[in-house]
Amino acid sequence: MGIPMNGLRDMKAILANERKVGGAVEAALLRLRSGEEYRNVCIVHIDQLGAQYYSVGFVTEQGERLIVNVHDISVISAPEHKKIRELNNAAYKREAINNKRRYLKRLFDIYQGSYTVHFWQEAKMIIDDIGVEALSPELSLLVSNVQGQTARTA
């Protein structure tokens, strides 16, 4: 169960601060004015010019990426901010987990043994977002090594 969203502004805020808050925005149903319906869509981008929202980008359960004008959207039903591991949209979940794994690996490569509190906070947030079971064996080893170091220094 995710955190309910109240409108495009909430969704845009989550998307803009994704690195800080993690997760993704998933809606149970998105219906277009033409009658097309998409279940479990993950909203990945919202464009705005000034105070006007003009397009929404989303990924369908089949992995299809669509960008539609907001005037073409009839209903966005039950949008929620969810952790990536809780998503129902398997196509986007797979993509997001792979992206987070790559980013986490890059974090480990950049810090190369001199792990700071800020590094560990960001790494823990990513791990919580994708789930421990989604880590590759290499990342699991790196995480356990860092946990051992932080336990010794605490």
N, C-alpha and C. Protein backbone atom coordinates (compact mmCIF):
# COMPACT_ATOMS: atom_id res chain seq x y z
N MET A 1 0.84 -1.18 0.00
CA MET A 1 0.00 0.00 0.00
C MET A 1 0.88 1.24 0.00
N GLY A 2 0.67 2.11 -0.95
CA GLY A 2 1.45 3.32 -1.07
C GLY A 2 0.75 4.52 -0.45
N ILE A 3 1.35 5.66 -0.67
CA ILE A 3 0.80 6.92 -0.17
C ILE A 3 -0.06 7.53 -1.28
N PRO A 4 -1.35 7.79 -1.01
CA PRO A 4 -2.23 8.34 -2.05
C PRO A 4 -1.76 9.71 -2.54
N MET A 5 -1.94 9.95 -3.83
CA MET A 5 -1.60 11.22 -4.45
C MET A 5 -2.89 11.99 -4.68
N ASN A 6 -2.83 13.30 -4.56
CA ASN A 6 -4.03 14.12 -4.70
C ASN A 6 -4.12 14.88 -6.01
N GLY A 7 -3.11 14.80 -6.84
CA GLY A 7 -3.18 15.52 -8.11
C GLY A 7 -1.84 15.53 -8.81
N LEU A 8 -1.82 16.19 -9.96
CA LEU A 8 -0.60 16.25 -10.77
C LEU A 8 0.53 16.95 -10.02
N ARG A 9 0.19 17.93 -9.19
CA ARG A 9 1.23 18.64 -8.44
C ARG A 9 1.96 17.69 -7.50
N ASP A 10 1.22 16.84 -6.80
CA ASP A 10 1.84 15.85 -5.90
C ASP A 10 2.73 14.89 -6.69
N MET A 11 2.21 14.42 -7.82
CA MET A 11 2.97 13.49 -8.64
C MET A 11 4.26 14.13 -9.14
N LYS A 12 4.16 15.37 -9.62
CA LYS A 12 5.33 16.09 -10.12
C LYS A 12 6.36 16.28 -9.01
N ALA A 13 5.92 16.58 -7.79
CA ALA A 13 6.84 16.76 -6.67
C ALA A 13 7.60 15.46 -6.37
N ILE A 14 6.90 14.34 -6.39
CA ILE A 14 7.55 13.04 -6.16
C ILE A 14 8.57 12.77 -7.26
N LEU A 15 8.19 13.00 -8.51
CA LEU A 15 9.09 12.74 -9.63
C LEU A 15 10.32 13.65 -9.58
N ALA A 16 10.12 14.91 -9.20
CA ALA A 16 11.23 15.87 -9.15
C ALA A 16 12.20 15.54 -8.01
N ASN A 17 11.70 14.93 -6.94
CA ASN A 17 12.53 14.63 -5.78
C ASN A 17 12.77 13.13 -5.62
N GLU A 18 12.73 12.40 -6.71
CA GLU A 18 12.82 10.95 -6.69
C GLU A 18 14.10 10.47 -5.99
N ARG A 19 15.21 11.15 -6.19
CA ARG A 19 16.46 10.70 -5.58
C ARG A 19 16.40 10.83 -4.05
N LYS A 20 15.69 11.82 -3.56
CA LYS A 20 15.59 12.02 -2.11
C LYS A 20 14.55 11.12 -1.47
N VAL A 21 13.42 10.92 -2.14
CA VAL A 21 12.32 10.17 -1.54
C VAL A 21 12.20 8.74 -2.05
N GLY A 22 12.81 8.43 -3.20
CA GLY A 22 12.73 7.09 -3.76
C GLY A 22 11.34 6.76 -4.28
N GLY A 23 11.18 5.54 -4.69
CA GLY A 23 9.88 5.06 -5.13
C GLY A 23 9.47 5.52 -6.51
N ALA A 24 8.20 5.33 -6.79
CA ALA A 24 7.62 5.67 -8.09
C ALA A 24 6.14 5.99 -7.90
N VAL A 25 5.55 6.60 -8.91
CA VAL A 25 4.12 6.92 -8.88
C VAL A 25 3.41 5.91 -9.78
N GLU A 26 2.49 5.14 -9.18
CA GLU A 26 1.74 4.14 -9.93
C GLU A 26 0.25 4.41 -9.75
N ALA A 27 -0.48 4.32 -10.85
CA ALA A 27 -1.94 4.49 -10.81
C ALA A 27 -2.59 3.16 -11.18
N ALA A 28 -3.67 2.85 -10.50
CA ALA A 28 -4.38 1.60 -10.78
C ALA A 28 -4.95 1.59 -12.19
N LEU A 29 -5.38 2.77 -12.67
CA LEU A 29 -6.00 2.86 -13.98
C LEU A 29 -5.79 4.25 -14.56
N LEU A 30 -5.46 4.31 -15.82
CA LEU A 30 -5.42 5.58 -16.56
C LEU A 30 -6.27 5.38 -17.80
N ARG A 31 -7.32 6.20 -17.91
CA ARG A 31 -8.23 6.10 -19.06
C ARG A 31 -8.10 7.36 -19.88
N LEU A 32 -7.96 7.18 -21.20
CA LEU A 32 -7.91 8.31 -22.11
C LEU A 32 -9.31 8.68 -22.58
N ARG A 33 -9.46 9.86 -23.09
CA ARG A 33 -10.77 10.29 -23.60
C ARG A 33 -11.24 9.41 -24.75
N SER A 34 -10.30 8.81 -25.47
CA SER A 34 -10.66 7.93 -26.58
C SER A 34 -11.23 6.59 -26.10
N GLY A 35 -11.14 6.33 -24.79
CA GLY A 35 -11.67 5.10 -24.23
C GLY A 35 -10.61 4.06 -23.91
N GLU A 36 -9.39 4.27 -24.38
CA GLU A 36 -8.31 3.32 -24.08
C GLU A 36 -8.04 3.33 -22.57
N GLU A 37 -7.85 2.16 -22.01
CA GLU A 37 -7.56 2.03 -20.59
C GLU A 37 -6.24 1.31 -20.38
N TYR A 38 -5.48 1.80 -19.43
CA TYR A 38 -4.20 1.20 -19.07
C TYR A 38 -4.20 0.95 -17.57
N ARG A 39 -3.94 -0.29 -17.20
CA ARG A 39 -3.91 -0.64 -15.78
C ARG A 39 -2.48 -0.61 -15.25
N ASN A 40 -2.34 -0.27 -13.97
CA ASN A 40 -1.05 -0.26 -13.28
C ASN A 40 0.02 0.52 -14.04
N VAL A 41 -0.33 1.71 -14.47
CA VAL A 41 0.65 2.54 -15.17
C VAL A 41 1.56 3.23 -14.16
N CYS A 42 2.81 3.37 -14.53
CA CYS A 42 3.76 4.13 -13.72
C CYS A 42 3.98 5.46 -14.42
N ILE A 43 3.67 6.52 -13.74
CA ILE A 43 3.83 7.86 -14.29
C ILE A 43 5.29 8.25 -14.09
N VAL A 44 5.97 8.56 -15.20
CA VAL A 44 7.40 8.83 -15.13
C VAL A 44 7.77 10.27 -15.43
N HIS A 45 6.84 11.03 -15.99
CA HIS A 45 7.16 12.43 -16.29
C HIS A 45 5.88 13.26 -16.42
N ILE A 46 5.96 14.46 -15.91
CA ILE A 46 4.86 15.41 -16.06
C ILE A 46 5.46 16.73 -16.50
N ASP A 47 5.02 17.22 -17.64
CA ASP A 47 5.53 18.49 -18.17
C ASP A 47 4.60 19.62 -17.80
N GLN A 48 5.22 20.76 -17.49
CA GLN A 48 4.42 21.93 -17.21
C GLN A 48 5.13 23.16 -17.75
N LEU A 49 4.32 24.13 -18.12
CA LEU A 49 4.82 25.41 -18.59
C LEU A 49 4.14 26.46 -17.74
N GLY A 50 4.90 27.13 -16.89
CA GLY A 50 4.29 28.04 -15.92
C GLY A 50 3.46 27.24 -14.95
N ALA A 51 2.22 27.59 -14.80
CA ALA A 51 1.33 26.87 -13.88
C ALA A 51 0.50 25.80 -14.59
N GLN A 52 0.66 25.67 -15.91
CA GLN A 52 -0.15 24.74 -16.70
C GLN A 52 0.59 23.42 -16.94
N TYR A 53 -0.05 22.31 -16.58
CA TYR A 53 0.47 20.99 -16.92
C TYR A 53 -0.03 20.67 -18.32
N TYR A 54 0.87 20.17 -19.18
CA TYR A 54 0.43 19.93 -20.55
C TYR A 54 0.65 18.51 -21.04
N SER A 55 1.51 17.73 -20.41
CA SER A 55 1.64 16.33 -20.84
C SER A 55 2.06 15.44 -19.68
N VAL A 56 1.70 14.17 -19.82
CA VAL A 56 2.03 13.15 -18.83
C VAL A 56 2.67 11.99 -19.58
N GLY A 57 3.83 11.56 -19.09
CA GLY A 57 4.50 10.39 -19.65
C GLY A 57 4.32 9.22 -18.70
N PHE A 58 4.02 8.06 -19.25
CA PHE A 58 3.82 6.88 -18.39
C PHE A 58 4.27 5.61 -19.10
N VAL A 59 4.46 4.56 -18.30
CA VAL A 59 4.86 3.25 -18.81
C VAL A 59 3.75 2.27 -18.50
N THR A 60 3.31 1.53 -19.53
CA THR A 60 2.23 0.55 -19.37
C THR A 60 2.79 -0.76 -18.83
N GLU A 61 1.90 -1.69 -18.51
CA GLU A 61 2.31 -3.02 -18.03
C GLU A 61 3.11 -3.80 -19.08
N GLN A 62 2.91 -3.46 -20.35
CA GLN A 62 3.64 -4.13 -21.42
C GLN A 62 4.99 -3.46 -21.68
N GLY A 63 5.33 -2.42 -20.94
CA GLY A 63 6.59 -1.72 -21.11
C GLY A 63 6.55 -0.63 -22.16
N GLU A 64 5.37 -0.36 -22.69
CA GLU A 64 5.20 0.68 -23.71
C GLU A 64 5.24 2.04 -23.04
N ARG A 65 6.01 2.97 -23.62
CA ARG A 65 6.10 4.33 -23.09
C ARG A 65 5.20 5.24 -23.90
N LEU A 66 4.32 5.94 -23.21
CA LEU A 66 3.39 6.85 -23.87
C LEU A 66 3.49 8.23 -23.24
N ILE A 67 3.33 9.24 -24.08
CA ILE A 67 3.24 10.62 -23.63
C ILE A 67 1.93 11.15 -24.19
N VAL A 68 1.06 11.63 -23.29
CA VAL A 68 -0.24 12.13 -23.73
C VAL A 68 -0.46 13.53 -23.20
N ASN A 69 -1.24 14.27 -23.95
CA ASN A 69 -1.64 15.60 -23.51
C ASN A 69 -2.61 15.45 -22.35
N VAL A 70 -2.51 16.33 -21.36
CA VAL A 70 -3.40 16.20 -20.19
C VAL A 70 -4.87 16.31 -20.58
N HIS A 71 -5.17 17.01 -21.68
CA HIS A 71 -6.56 17.12 -22.12
C HIS A 71 -7.09 15.81 -22.70
N ASP A 72 -6.19 14.89 -23.04
CA ASP A 72 -6.60 13.59 -23.55
C ASP A 72 -6.81 12.56 -22.44
N ILE A 73 -6.54 12.94 -21.19
CA ILE A 73 -6.71 12.03 -20.07
C ILE A 73 -8.09 12.23 -19.47
N SER A 74 -8.83 11.15 -19.37
CA SER A 74 -10.17 11.19 -18.79
C SER A 74 -10.10 10.94 -17.28
N VAL A 75 -9.36 9.89 -16.87
CA VAL A 75 -9.29 9.50 -15.46
C VAL A 75 -7.91 8.96 -15.13
N ILE A 76 -7.38 9.36 -13.98
CA ILE A 76 -6.23 8.71 -13.37
C ILE A 76 -6.75 8.20 -12.03
N SER A 77 -6.93 6.91 -11.93
CA SER A 77 -7.57 6.32 -10.75
C SER A 77 -6.53 5.77 -9.77
N ALA A 78 -6.69 6.13 -8.51
CA ALA A 78 -5.89 5.62 -7.39
C ALA A 78 -4.38 5.77 -7.59
N PRO A 79 -3.91 6.98 -7.89
CA PRO A 79 -2.46 7.15 -7.99
C PRO A 79 -1.82 7.10 -6.60
N GLU A 80 -0.69 6.40 -6.50
CA GLU A 80 0.00 6.24 -5.23
C GLU A 80 1.50 6.35 -5.42
N HIS A 81 2.16 6.86 -4.38
CA HIS A 81 3.61 6.83 -4.32
C HIS A 81 3.98 5.53 -3.61
N LYS A 82 4.71 4.66 -4.33
CA LYS A 82 5.06 3.34 -3.78
C LYS A 82 6.55 3.12 -3.87
N LYS A 83 7.04 2.25 -3.01
CA LYS A 83 8.41 1.78 -3.14
C LYS A 83 8.48 0.94 -4.41
N ILE A 84 9.62 0.91 -5.05
CA ILE A 84 9.77 0.18 -6.30
C ILE A 84 9.43 -1.30 -6.11
N ARG A 85 9.83 -1.86 -5.00
CA ARG A 85 9.56 -3.29 -4.76
C ARG A 85 8.07 -3.60 -4.62
N GLU A 86 7.23 -2.58 -4.39
CA GLU A 86 5.79 -2.77 -4.22
C GLU A 86 4.99 -2.55 -5.51
N LEU A 87 5.65 -2.17 -6.60
CA LEU A 87 4.94 -1.87 -7.83
C LEU A 87 4.26 -3.11 -8.41
N ASN A 88 3.09 -2.90 -9.01
CA ASN A 88 2.38 -3.97 -9.72
C ASN A 88 2.79 -4.03 -11.19
N ASN A 89 3.32 -2.95 -11.72
CA ASN A 89 3.74 -2.87 -13.11
C ASN A 89 5.11 -3.53 -13.24
N ALA A 90 5.12 -4.81 -13.64
CA ALA A 90 6.35 -5.59 -13.69
C ALA A 90 7.38 -5.03 -14.66
N ALA A 91 6.94 -4.49 -15.79
CA ALA A 91 7.87 -3.96 -16.79
C ALA A 91 8.64 -2.77 -16.23
N TYR A 92 7.93 -1.84 -15.62
CA TYR A 92 8.61 -0.67 -15.07
C TYR A 92 9.41 -1.04 -13.81
N LYS A 93 8.89 -1.95 -13.03
CA LYS A 93 9.59 -2.39 -11.81
C LYS A 93 10.96 -2.95 -12.17
N ARG A 94 11.02 -3.80 -13.20
CA ARG A 94 12.27 -4.39 -13.66
C ARG A 94 13.25 -3.31 -14.10
N GLU A 95 12.76 -2.35 -14.88
CA GLU A 95 13.59 -1.26 -15.37
C GLU A 95 14.10 -0.38 -14.22
N ALA A 96 13.22 -0.04 -13.29
CA ALA A 96 13.60 0.81 -12.17
C ALA A 96 14.60 0.12 -11.25
N ILE A 97 14.42 -1.17 -11.01
CA ILE A 97 15.37 -1.92 -10.17
C ILE A 97 16.74 -1.94 -10.83
N ASN A 98 16.78 -2.19 -12.13
CA ASN A 98 18.07 -2.19 -12.84
C ASN A 98 18.75 -0.83 -12.76
N ASN A 99 17.98 0.24 -12.93
CA ASN A 99 18.55 1.59 -12.83
C ASN A 99 19.08 1.86 -11.43
N LYS A 100 18.34 1.46 -10.42
CA LYS A 100 18.78 1.68 -9.02
C LYS A 100 20.02 0.85 -8.71
N ARG A 101 20.08 -0.37 -9.22
CA ARG A 101 21.27 -1.21 -9.01
C ARG A 101 22.51 -0.55 -9.62
N ARG A 102 22.35 -0.05 -10.86
CA ARG A 102 23.47 0.63 -11.52
C ARG A 102 23.92 1.85 -10.72
N TYR A 103 22.95 2.62 -10.24
CA TYR A 103 23.26 3.82 -9.47
C TYR A 103 23.96 3.46 -8.16
N LEU A 104 23.49 2.42 -7.47
CA LEU A 104 24.10 1.99 -6.22
C LEU A 104 25.52 1.50 -6.45
N LYS A 105 25.72 0.76 -7.52
CA LYS A 105 27.07 0.29 -7.87
C LYS A 105 27.99 1.48 -8.12
N ARG A 106 27.49 2.49 -8.82
CA ARG A 106 28.27 3.70 -9.09
C ARG A 106 28.62 4.41 -7.78
N LEU A 107 27.66 4.46 -6.85
CA LEU A 107 27.93 5.07 -5.54
C LEU A 107 29.09 4.36 -4.84
N PHE A 108 29.05 3.03 -4.83
CA PHE A 108 30.13 2.27 -4.21
C PHE A 108 31.46 2.53 -4.91
N ASP A 109 31.45 2.60 -6.23
CA ASP A 109 32.68 2.86 -6.98
C ASP A 109 33.24 4.24 -6.67
N ILE A 110 32.38 5.24 -6.55
CA ILE A 110 32.83 6.61 -6.30
C ILE A 110 33.44 6.73 -4.91
N TYR A 111 32.78 6.16 -3.90
CA TYR A 111 33.25 6.31 -2.52
C TYR A 111 34.43 5.40 -2.19
N GLN A 112 34.62 4.31 -2.91
CA GLN A 112 35.76 3.40 -2.82
C GLN A 112 36.34 3.24 -1.41
N GLY A 113 35.56 2.76 -0.49
CA GLY A 113 36.07 2.45 0.83
C GLY A 113 35.99 3.57 1.85
N SER A 114 35.83 4.81 1.42
CA SER A 114 35.70 5.92 2.39
C SER A 114 34.24 6.32 2.49
N TYR A 115 33.46 5.43 3.09
CA TYR A 115 32.02 5.59 3.13
C TYR A 115 31.61 6.58 4.21
N THR A 116 30.86 7.59 3.82
CA THR A 116 30.40 8.62 4.75
C THR A 116 28.99 8.30 5.23
N VAL A 117 28.53 9.06 6.20
CA VAL A 117 27.16 8.90 6.71
C VAL A 117 26.16 9.19 5.59
N HIS A 118 26.43 10.21 4.78
CA HIS A 118 25.52 10.56 3.69
C HIS A 118 25.45 9.45 2.65
N PHE A 119 26.60 8.85 2.35
CA PHE A 119 26.63 7.72 1.43
C PHE A 119 25.75 6.60 1.97
N TRP A 120 25.94 6.25 3.25
CA TRP A 120 25.23 5.12 3.82
C TRP A 120 23.73 5.39 3.90
N GLN A 121 23.33 6.63 4.17
CA GLN A 121 21.90 6.98 4.19
C GLN A 121 21.29 6.79 2.82
N GLU A 122 22.00 7.26 1.77
CA GLU A 122 21.47 7.10 0.41
C GLU A 122 21.44 5.64 0.00
N ALA A 123 22.48 4.90 0.33
CA ALA A 123 22.52 3.48 -0.01
C ALA A 123 21.39 2.71 0.68
N LYS A 124 21.16 3.00 1.96
CA LYS A 124 20.07 2.33 2.69
C LYS A 124 18.71 2.66 2.09
N MET A 125 18.54 3.92 1.67
CA MET A 125 17.27 4.31 1.06
C MET A 125 17.04 3.52 -0.24
N ILE A 126 18.08 3.38 -1.05
CA ILE A 126 17.97 2.63 -2.31
C ILE A 126 17.66 1.16 -2.02
N ILE A 127 18.35 0.58 -1.06
CA ILE A 127 18.13 -0.83 -0.71
C ILE A 127 16.71 -1.03 -0.20
N ASP A 128 16.23 -0.11 0.62
CA ASP A 128 14.85 -0.19 1.12
C ASP A 128 13.85 -0.06 -0.02
N ASP A 129 14.18 0.77 -1.00
CA ASP A 129 13.29 1.02 -2.13
C ASP A 129 13.15 -0.21 -3.03
N ILE A 130 14.27 -0.86 -3.35
CA ILE A 130 14.21 -1.99 -4.28
C ILE A 130 14.10 -3.34 -3.57
N GLY A 131 14.46 -3.38 -2.30
CA GLY A 131 14.42 -4.63 -1.55
C GLY A 131 15.76 -5.34 -1.59
N VAL A 132 16.14 -5.94 -0.50
CA VAL A 132 17.42 -6.63 -0.38
C VAL A 132 17.52 -7.76 -1.39
N GLU A 133 16.40 -8.44 -1.63
CA GLU A 133 16.41 -9.58 -2.55
C GLU A 133 16.72 -9.17 -3.99
N ALA A 134 16.59 -7.88 -4.32
CA ALA A 134 16.86 -7.42 -5.68
C ALA A 134 18.33 -7.09 -5.91
N LEU A 135 19.14 -7.10 -4.84
CA LEU A 135 20.56 -6.80 -5.00
C LEU A 135 21.27 -7.94 -5.71
N SER A 136 22.24 -7.59 -6.52
CA SER A 136 23.07 -8.61 -7.16
C SER A 136 24.02 -9.17 -6.10
N PRO A 137 24.60 -10.34 -6.33
CA PRO A 137 25.54 -10.91 -5.34
C PRO A 137 26.70 -9.95 -5.04
N GLU A 138 27.19 -9.27 -6.07
CA GLU A 138 28.29 -8.32 -5.88
C GLU A 138 27.89 -7.17 -4.96
N LEU A 139 26.69 -6.61 -5.21
CA LEU A 139 26.21 -5.52 -4.36
C LEU A 139 25.92 -5.99 -2.95
N SER A 140 25.40 -7.20 -2.80
CA SER A 140 25.13 -7.75 -1.47
C SER A 140 26.42 -7.84 -0.66
N LEU A 141 27.50 -8.27 -1.30
CA LEU A 141 28.80 -8.37 -0.64
C LEU A 141 29.30 -6.98 -0.23
N LEU A 142 29.19 -6.02 -1.14
CA LEU A 142 29.61 -4.65 -0.82
C LEU A 142 28.81 -4.08 0.36
N VAL A 143 27.51 -4.30 0.35
CA VAL A 143 26.65 -3.80 1.43
C VAL A 143 27.03 -4.45 2.75
N SER A 144 27.24 -5.76 2.75
CA SER A 144 27.59 -6.43 4.01
C SER A 144 28.95 -5.96 4.52
N ASN A 145 29.89 -5.67 3.63
CA ASN A 145 31.19 -5.13 4.05
C ASN A 145 31.04 -3.77 4.70
N VAL A 146 30.22 -2.91 4.11
CA VAL A 146 30.00 -1.57 4.67
C VAL A 146 29.28 -1.68 6.01
N GLN A 147 28.31 -2.58 6.11
CA GLN A 147 27.61 -2.76 7.38
C GLN A 147 28.60 -3.19 8.46
N GLY A 148 29.52 -4.05 8.11
CA GLY A 148 30.55 -4.50 9.06
C GLY A 148 31.44 -3.35 9.49
N GLN A 149 31.82 -2.49 8.53
CA GLN A 149 32.67 -1.33 8.86
C GLN A 149 31.94 -0.36 9.77
N THR A 150 30.66 -0.08 9.48
CA THR A 150 29.91 0.88 10.29
C THR A 150 29.64 0.32 11.68
N ALA A 151 29.49 -1.00 11.79
CA ALA A 151 29.27 -1.61 13.11
C ALA A 151 30.54 -1.49 13.97
N ARG A 152 31.72 -1.63 13.34
CA ARG A 152 32.98 -1.53 14.07
C ARG A 152 33.28 -0.09 14.51
N THR A 153 32.86 0.89 13.68
CA THR A 153 33.16 2.29 14.00
C THR A 153 32.13 2.90 14.93
N ALA A 154 30.98 2.28 15.08
CA ALA A 154 29.92 2.86 15.92
C ALA A 154 30.15 2.62 17.39
